[in-house]
């Protein structure tokens, strides 16, 4: 059994993923297939003459959580940033193949409009040097909303969606920098949600956080799957196993394997996937 797990129970124990959970999750996915929100078809990306992504093809499913895993430098974050064309802000980059949102190539969409529809939260919290309130209100103001009541409603709704309202409702005028690291990351999630994106991209959102803050972020992400499509890059295999409906494993810029999370972790089709999820590669 060189290309399959000798003991699925041992891997589930390692990943803290009960057999019943993964079985029910996979059965639900197969019974209720969702529409495709983002689609990559032979997508490649270059920094100058260096190719960092090679012919990546996958479907990102509507209102599902998709995790991208793989060793450092495998192209996960590059692929994530390409979904809302953040990569093209770097000089001398180019893309080939097709990356489409709701059937329309992202290359054909106006960049600002695309980034409103496909929001992004980075690895380290990056609140604006403004108050908590103004961080969330920023998107509404840029979008031309001037009514104070409407803006206040957006701020409250966004903070509630990011599970931060109860912790900040009495200090909305305080600097965002006064929040803890975990709170700042949830603030950044709330800021992204304020413009009602269809897709939320998360680039290792918990890598710099303590376990308690990580648990709060994960709970927020899980709740948000009912409202938008989520793609998360993570090095934390347990996190991918806990959160993701689908998982893609990348290595050296290539998508090695993609499918329901249960299948990727417990029944991988390729030895390199097995070696990575069991800790023999990474």
Protein backbone atom coordinates (compact mmCIF):
# COMPACT_ATOMS: atom_id res chain seq x y z
CA UNK A 1 0.00 0.00 0.00
CA UNK A 2 2.74 2.41 -0.96
CA UNK A 3 0.36 5.05 -2.29
CA UNK A 4 -2.40 4.87 0.33
CA UNK A 5 -2.63 5.21 4.09
CA UNK A 6 -1.79 2.17 6.14
CA UNK A 7 -4.07 3.44 8.91
CA UNK A 8 -6.78 6.01 8.28
CA UNK A 9 -7.53 6.05 12.02
CA UNK A 10 -3.95 7.09 12.80
CA UNK A 11 -4.13 9.99 10.35
CA UNK A 12 -7.49 11.12 11.70
CA UNK A 13 -5.99 11.12 15.18
CA UNK A 14 -3.00 13.13 13.95
CA UNK A 15 -5.31 15.68 12.29
CA UNK A 16 -7.91 15.73 15.08
CA UNK A 17 -10.53 14.93 12.43
CA UNK A 18 -13.15 12.39 13.59
CA UNK A 19 -14.16 9.80 11.01
CA UNK A 20 -17.84 10.71 11.35
CA UNK A 21 -17.10 14.36 10.61
CA UNK A 22 -15.20 13.73 7.40
CA UNK A 23 -17.70 11.10 6.24
CA UNK A 24 -20.71 13.35 6.75
CA UNK A 25 -18.92 16.35 5.20
CA UNK A 26 -18.00 14.40 2.07
CA UNK A 27 -21.47 12.85 1.77
CA UNK A 28 -23.00 16.34 1.94
CA UNK A 29 -20.68 17.65 -0.77
CA UNK A 30 -21.48 14.76 -3.08
CA UNK A 31 -25.21 14.96 -2.40
CA UNK A 32 -25.43 18.72 -2.90
CA UNK A 33 -22.88 19.75 -5.53
CA UNK A 34 -22.49 23.53 -5.59
CA UNK A 35 -22.05 25.92 -8.47
CA UNK A 36 -18.58 27.08 -9.48
CA UNK A 37 -17.64 30.61 -8.44
CA UNK A 38 -14.03 30.71 -9.65
CA UNK A 39 -12.51 28.51 -12.32
CA UNK A 40 -8.85 28.13 -13.25
CA UNK A 41 -8.01 26.57 -16.60
CA UNK A 42 -4.34 25.84 -17.32
CA UNK A 43 -3.43 28.97 -15.40
CA UNK A 44 0.25 29.94 -15.30
CA UNK A 45 2.02 32.90 -13.73
CA UNK A 46 5.45 34.42 -14.27
CA UNK A 47 7.67 36.79 -12.34
CA UNK A 48 9.81 38.10 -15.17
CA UNK A 49 11.19 35.01 -16.88
CA UNK A 50 10.59 32.77 -13.84
CA UNK A 51 7.47 30.64 -14.05
CA UNK A 52 5.98 30.08 -10.59
CA UNK A 53 2.65 28.45 -11.51
CA UNK A 54 2.27 25.74 -14.16
CA UNK A 55 -1.05 24.86 -15.81
CA UNK A 56 -3.18 25.03 -12.65
CA UNK A 57 -6.79 23.91 -13.23
CA UNK A 58 -9.42 23.75 -10.49
CA UNK A 59 -12.94 24.84 -9.58
CA UNK A 60 -13.65 26.95 -6.50
CA UNK A 61 -17.15 26.04 -5.39
CA UNK A 62 -19.89 28.48 -4.40
CA UNK A 63 -20.27 29.05 -0.64
CA UNK A 64 -17.66 26.42 0.17
CA UNK A 65 -14.30 26.73 1.91
CA UNK A 66 -11.33 25.73 -0.23
CA UNK A 67 -7.89 25.33 1.36
CA UNK A 68 -4.62 25.55 -0.55
CA UNK A 69 -1.79 23.64 1.10
CA UNK A 70 1.79 22.85 0.16
CA UNK A 71 5.44 23.58 1.03
CA UNK A 72 6.73 27.14 1.26
CA UNK A 73 7.37 28.63 -2.15
CA UNK A 74 5.02 26.27 -3.99
CA UNK A 75 2.88 29.08 -5.42
CA UNK A 76 -0.11 29.03 -3.05
CA UNK A 77 -0.10 32.75 -2.27
CA UNK A 78 0.70 33.66 -5.87
CA UNK A 79 -2.36 31.73 -7.03
CA UNK A 80 -4.51 33.30 -4.32
CA UNK A 81 -3.44 36.83 -5.27
CA UNK A 82 -4.07 36.12 -8.94
CA UNK A 83 -7.75 35.57 -8.14
CA UNK A 84 -8.23 39.31 -7.66
CA UNK A 85 -5.27 40.41 -9.79
CA UNK A 86 -3.12 41.53 -6.87
CA UNK A 87 -0.17 39.83 -8.54
CA UNK A 88 -0.16 42.26 -11.42
CA UNK A 89 0.73 45.12 -9.04
CA UNK A 90 4.26 43.68 -9.07
CA UNK A 91 6.34 44.84 -12.08
CA UNK A 92 7.21 42.41 -14.89
CA UNK A 93 4.60 39.79 -14.05
CA UNK A 94 2.30 38.09 -16.51
CA UNK A 95 -0.29 35.33 -16.58
CA UNK A 96 -1.42 32.83 -19.19
CA UNK A 97 -4.35 30.47 -19.29
CA UNK A 98 -7.71 31.50 -17.87
CA UNK A 99 -8.98 32.45 -14.44
CA UNK A 100 -12.70 33.24 -14.45
CA UNK A 101 -15.18 34.64 -11.93
CA UNK A 102 -18.75 33.52 -12.59
CA UNK A 103 -17.71 32.59 -16.11
CA UNK A 104 -16.02 35.90 -16.95
CA UNK A 105 -12.23 36.11 -17.22
CA UNK A 106 -10.82 38.21 -14.37
CA UNK A 107 -8.52 39.79 -16.95
CA UNK A 108 -11.59 41.32 -18.61
CA UNK A 109 -12.95 42.82 -15.39
CA UNK A 110 -12.06 46.29 -14.17
CA UNK A 111 -9.56 45.83 -11.34
CA UNK A 112 -11.30 47.95 -8.70
CA UNK A 113 -14.64 46.28 -9.39
CA UNK A 114 -13.02 42.85 -9.26
CA UNK A 115 -11.40 43.57 -5.89
CA UNK A 116 -14.74 44.64 -4.45
CA UNK A 117 -16.19 41.30 -5.53
CA UNK A 118 -13.13 39.30 -4.47
CA UNK A 119 -11.83 40.63 -1.15
CA UNK A 120 -8.51 39.72 0.42
CA UNK A 121 -7.11 39.44 3.95
CA UNK A 122 -3.35 39.15 4.28
CA UNK A 123 -1.09 37.11 6.53
CA UNK A 124 -0.39 39.95 8.95
CA UNK A 125 -3.12 42.34 10.09
CA UNK A 126 -2.89 45.64 8.22
CA UNK A 127 -5.47 48.00 9.72
CA UNK A 128 -5.48 51.54 8.37
CA UNK A 129 -4.10 54.24 10.71
CA UNK A 130 -7.66 55.27 11.50
CA UNK A 131 -10.30 54.50 14.10
CA UNK A 132 -12.03 51.14 14.27
CA UNK A 133 -15.15 52.74 12.80
CA UNK A 134 -13.34 54.44 9.93
CA UNK A 135 -11.51 51.25 8.99
CA UNK A 136 -14.84 49.58 8.28
CA UNK A 137 -16.50 52.68 6.84
CA UNK A 138 -13.68 53.21 4.33
CA UNK A 139 -15.15 50.98 1.63
CA UNK A 140 -18.57 52.61 1.89
CA UNK A 141 -17.12 56.10 1.66
CA UNK A 142 -14.99 55.17 -1.35
CA UNK A 143 -18.13 53.70 -2.91
CA UNK A 144 -19.86 57.05 -2.62
CA UNK A 145 -22.10 56.42 0.39
CA UNK A 146 -22.46 59.58 2.47
CA UNK A 147 -25.47 58.87 4.67
CA UNK A 148 -24.19 58.52 8.25
CA UNK A 149 -26.92 56.10 9.29
CA UNK A 150 -26.24 53.82 6.34
CA UNK A 151 -22.53 53.82 7.05
CA UNK A 152 -23.12 53.07 10.74
CA UNK A 153 -25.31 50.12 9.76
CA UNK A 154 -22.60 48.76 7.48
CA UNK A 155 -20.01 49.09 10.25
CA UNK A 156 -22.15 47.24 12.79
CA UNK A 157 -23.16 44.50 10.36
CA UNK A 158 -19.56 43.93 9.25
CA UNK A 159 -18.21 43.81 12.80
CA UNK A 160 -20.94 41.38 13.77
CA UNK A 161 -20.15 39.14 10.80
CA UNK A 162 -16.50 39.11 11.88
CA UNK A 163 -17.49 38.34 15.51
CA UNK A 164 -15.95 41.61 16.70
CA UNK A 165 -18.96 43.81 17.49
CA UNK A 166 -19.31 42.91 21.17
CA UNK A 167 -15.62 43.62 21.76
CA UNK A 168 -15.57 46.99 19.99
CA UNK A 169 -19.07 48.53 20.12
CA UNK A 170 -18.14 50.80 23.03
CA UNK A 171 -14.85 52.02 21.54
CA UNK A 172 -15.46 52.49 17.83
CA UNK A 173 -13.55 55.79 17.89
CA UNK A 174 -10.43 54.15 19.33
CA UNK A 175 -7.43 53.63 17.02
CA UNK A 176 -7.51 50.28 15.24
CA UNK A 177 -3.90 49.80 16.35
CA UNK A 178 -5.11 49.61 19.97
CA UNK A 179 -6.69 46.21 19.27
CA UNK A 180 -4.89 42.94 19.89
CA UNK A 181 -3.37 41.04 16.98
CA UNK A 182 -6.31 38.65 16.75
CA UNK A 183 -8.80 41.50 16.95
CA UNK A 184 -6.93 43.40 14.25
CA UNK A 185 -7.15 40.39 11.95
CA UNK A 186 -10.89 40.12 12.53
CA UNK A 187 -11.10 43.88 11.88
CA UNK A 188 -9.43 43.31 8.52
CA UNK A 189 -11.94 40.55 7.78
CA UNK A 190 -14.77 42.94 8.73
CA UNK A 191 -13.28 45.64 6.48
CA UNK A 192 -13.22 43.22 3.57
CA UNK A 193 -16.80 42.12 4.28
CA UNK A 194 -18.07 45.71 4.39
CA UNK A 195 -18.21 45.87 0.59
CA UNK A 196 -20.16 42.57 0.40
CA UNK A 197 -17.65 40.48 -1.59
CA UNK A 198 -18.72 37.32 -3.35
CA UNK A 199 -15.36 35.71 -2.56
CA UNK A 200 -13.07 36.15 0.45
CA UNK A 201 -9.39 35.26 0.02
CA UNK A 202 -7.39 34.56 3.20
CA UNK A 203 -3.60 34.30 3.02
CA UNK A 204 -2.48 32.45 6.17
CA UNK A 205 -4.73 34.61 8.36
CA UNK A 206 -3.78 32.85 11.60
CA UNK A 207 -0.04 32.34 11.15
CA UNK A 208 0.93 35.12 13.58
CA UNK A 209 -1.84 34.49 16.13
CA UNK A 210 -2.10 32.61 19.41
CA UNK A 211 -4.35 29.51 19.69
CA UNK A 212 -7.27 31.41 21.26
CA UNK A 213 -7.27 34.07 18.53
CA UNK A 214 -6.86 31.36 15.91
CA UNK A 215 -9.94 29.55 17.23
CA UNK A 216 -11.98 32.76 16.98
CA UNK A 217 -10.82 33.40 13.41
CA UNK A 218 -11.64 29.82 12.42
CA UNK A 219 -15.12 30.10 13.95
CA UNK A 220 -15.64 33.33 12.01
CA UNK A 221 -14.50 31.71 8.75
CA UNK A 222 -16.79 28.73 9.28
CA UNK A 223 -19.79 30.97 9.87
CA UNK A 224 -19.00 33.10 6.79
CA UNK A 225 -19.18 30.15 4.41
CA UNK A 226 -22.97 30.64 4.39
CA UNK A 227 -22.50 34.16 3.00
CA UNK A 228 -19.58 33.99 0.58
CA UNK A 229 -17.10 31.68 -1.09
CA UNK A 230 -13.84 31.36 0.86
CA UNK A 231 -10.34 30.38 -0.25
CA UNK A 232 -7.67 30.04 2.44
CA UNK A 233 -3.93 29.46 2.14
CA UNK A 234 -2.59 27.68 5.20
CA UNK A 235 0.47 25.76 6.35
CA UNK A 236 -1.57 24.37 9.24
CA UNK A 237 -2.83 20.98 8.10
CA UNK A 238 -5.12 20.66 11.10
CA UNK A 239 -6.69 23.98 10.16
CA UNK A 240 -7.29 22.83 6.58
CA UNK A 241 -8.81 19.59 7.86
CA UNK A 242 -11.08 21.39 10.31
CA UNK A 243 -12.31 24.11 7.98
CA UNK A 244 -12.12 23.17 4.33
CA UNK A 245 -14.72 21.45 2.21
CA UNK A 246 -12.17 21.12 -0.60
CA UNK A 247 -8.38 21.09 -0.51
CA UNK A 248 -5.77 21.61 -3.21
CA UNK A 249 -2.18 20.46 -2.75
CA UNK A 250 0.45 22.42 -4.68
CA UNK A 251 4.14 21.61 -5.04
CA UNK A 252 6.73 23.43 -7.12
CA UNK A 253 4.05 25.55 -8.77
CA UNK A 254 1.91 22.62 -9.87
CA UNK A 255 -1.46 21.47 -8.57
CA UNK A 256 -0.73 17.89 -7.61
CA UNK A 257 -4.13 16.96 -6.29
CA UNK A 258 -7.52 18.58 -5.64
CA UNK A 259 -10.73 17.23 -4.15
CA UNK A 260 -12.88 16.92 -1.04
CA UNK A 261 -10.75 17.44 2.04
CA UNK A 262 -11.49 13.98 3.40
CA UNK A 263 -10.15 12.38 0.23
CA UNK A 264 -6.99 14.50 0.15
CA UNK A 265 -6.07 13.66 3.74
CA UNK A 266 -7.26 10.07 4.01
CA UNK A 267 -7.22 8.70 0.46
CA UNK A 268 -4.68 10.70 -1.56
CA UNK A 269 -4.03 9.54 -5.10
CA UNK A 270 -0.36 10.53 -5.28
CA UNK A 271 2.62 9.62 -3.08
CA UNK A 272 3.73 13.26 -2.79
CA UNK A 273 0.34 14.23 -1.36
CA UNK A 274 0.52 11.40 1.14
CA UNK A 275 4.06 12.38 2.12
CA UNK A 276 3.01 16.00 2.69
CA UNK A 277 -0.12 15.39 4.74
CA UNK A 278 1.68 12.80 6.91
CA UNK A 279 4.64 15.12 7.55
CA UNK A 280 7.25 13.28 5.52
CA UNK A 281 7.47 16.19 3.09
CA UNK A 282 7.28 19.88 3.89
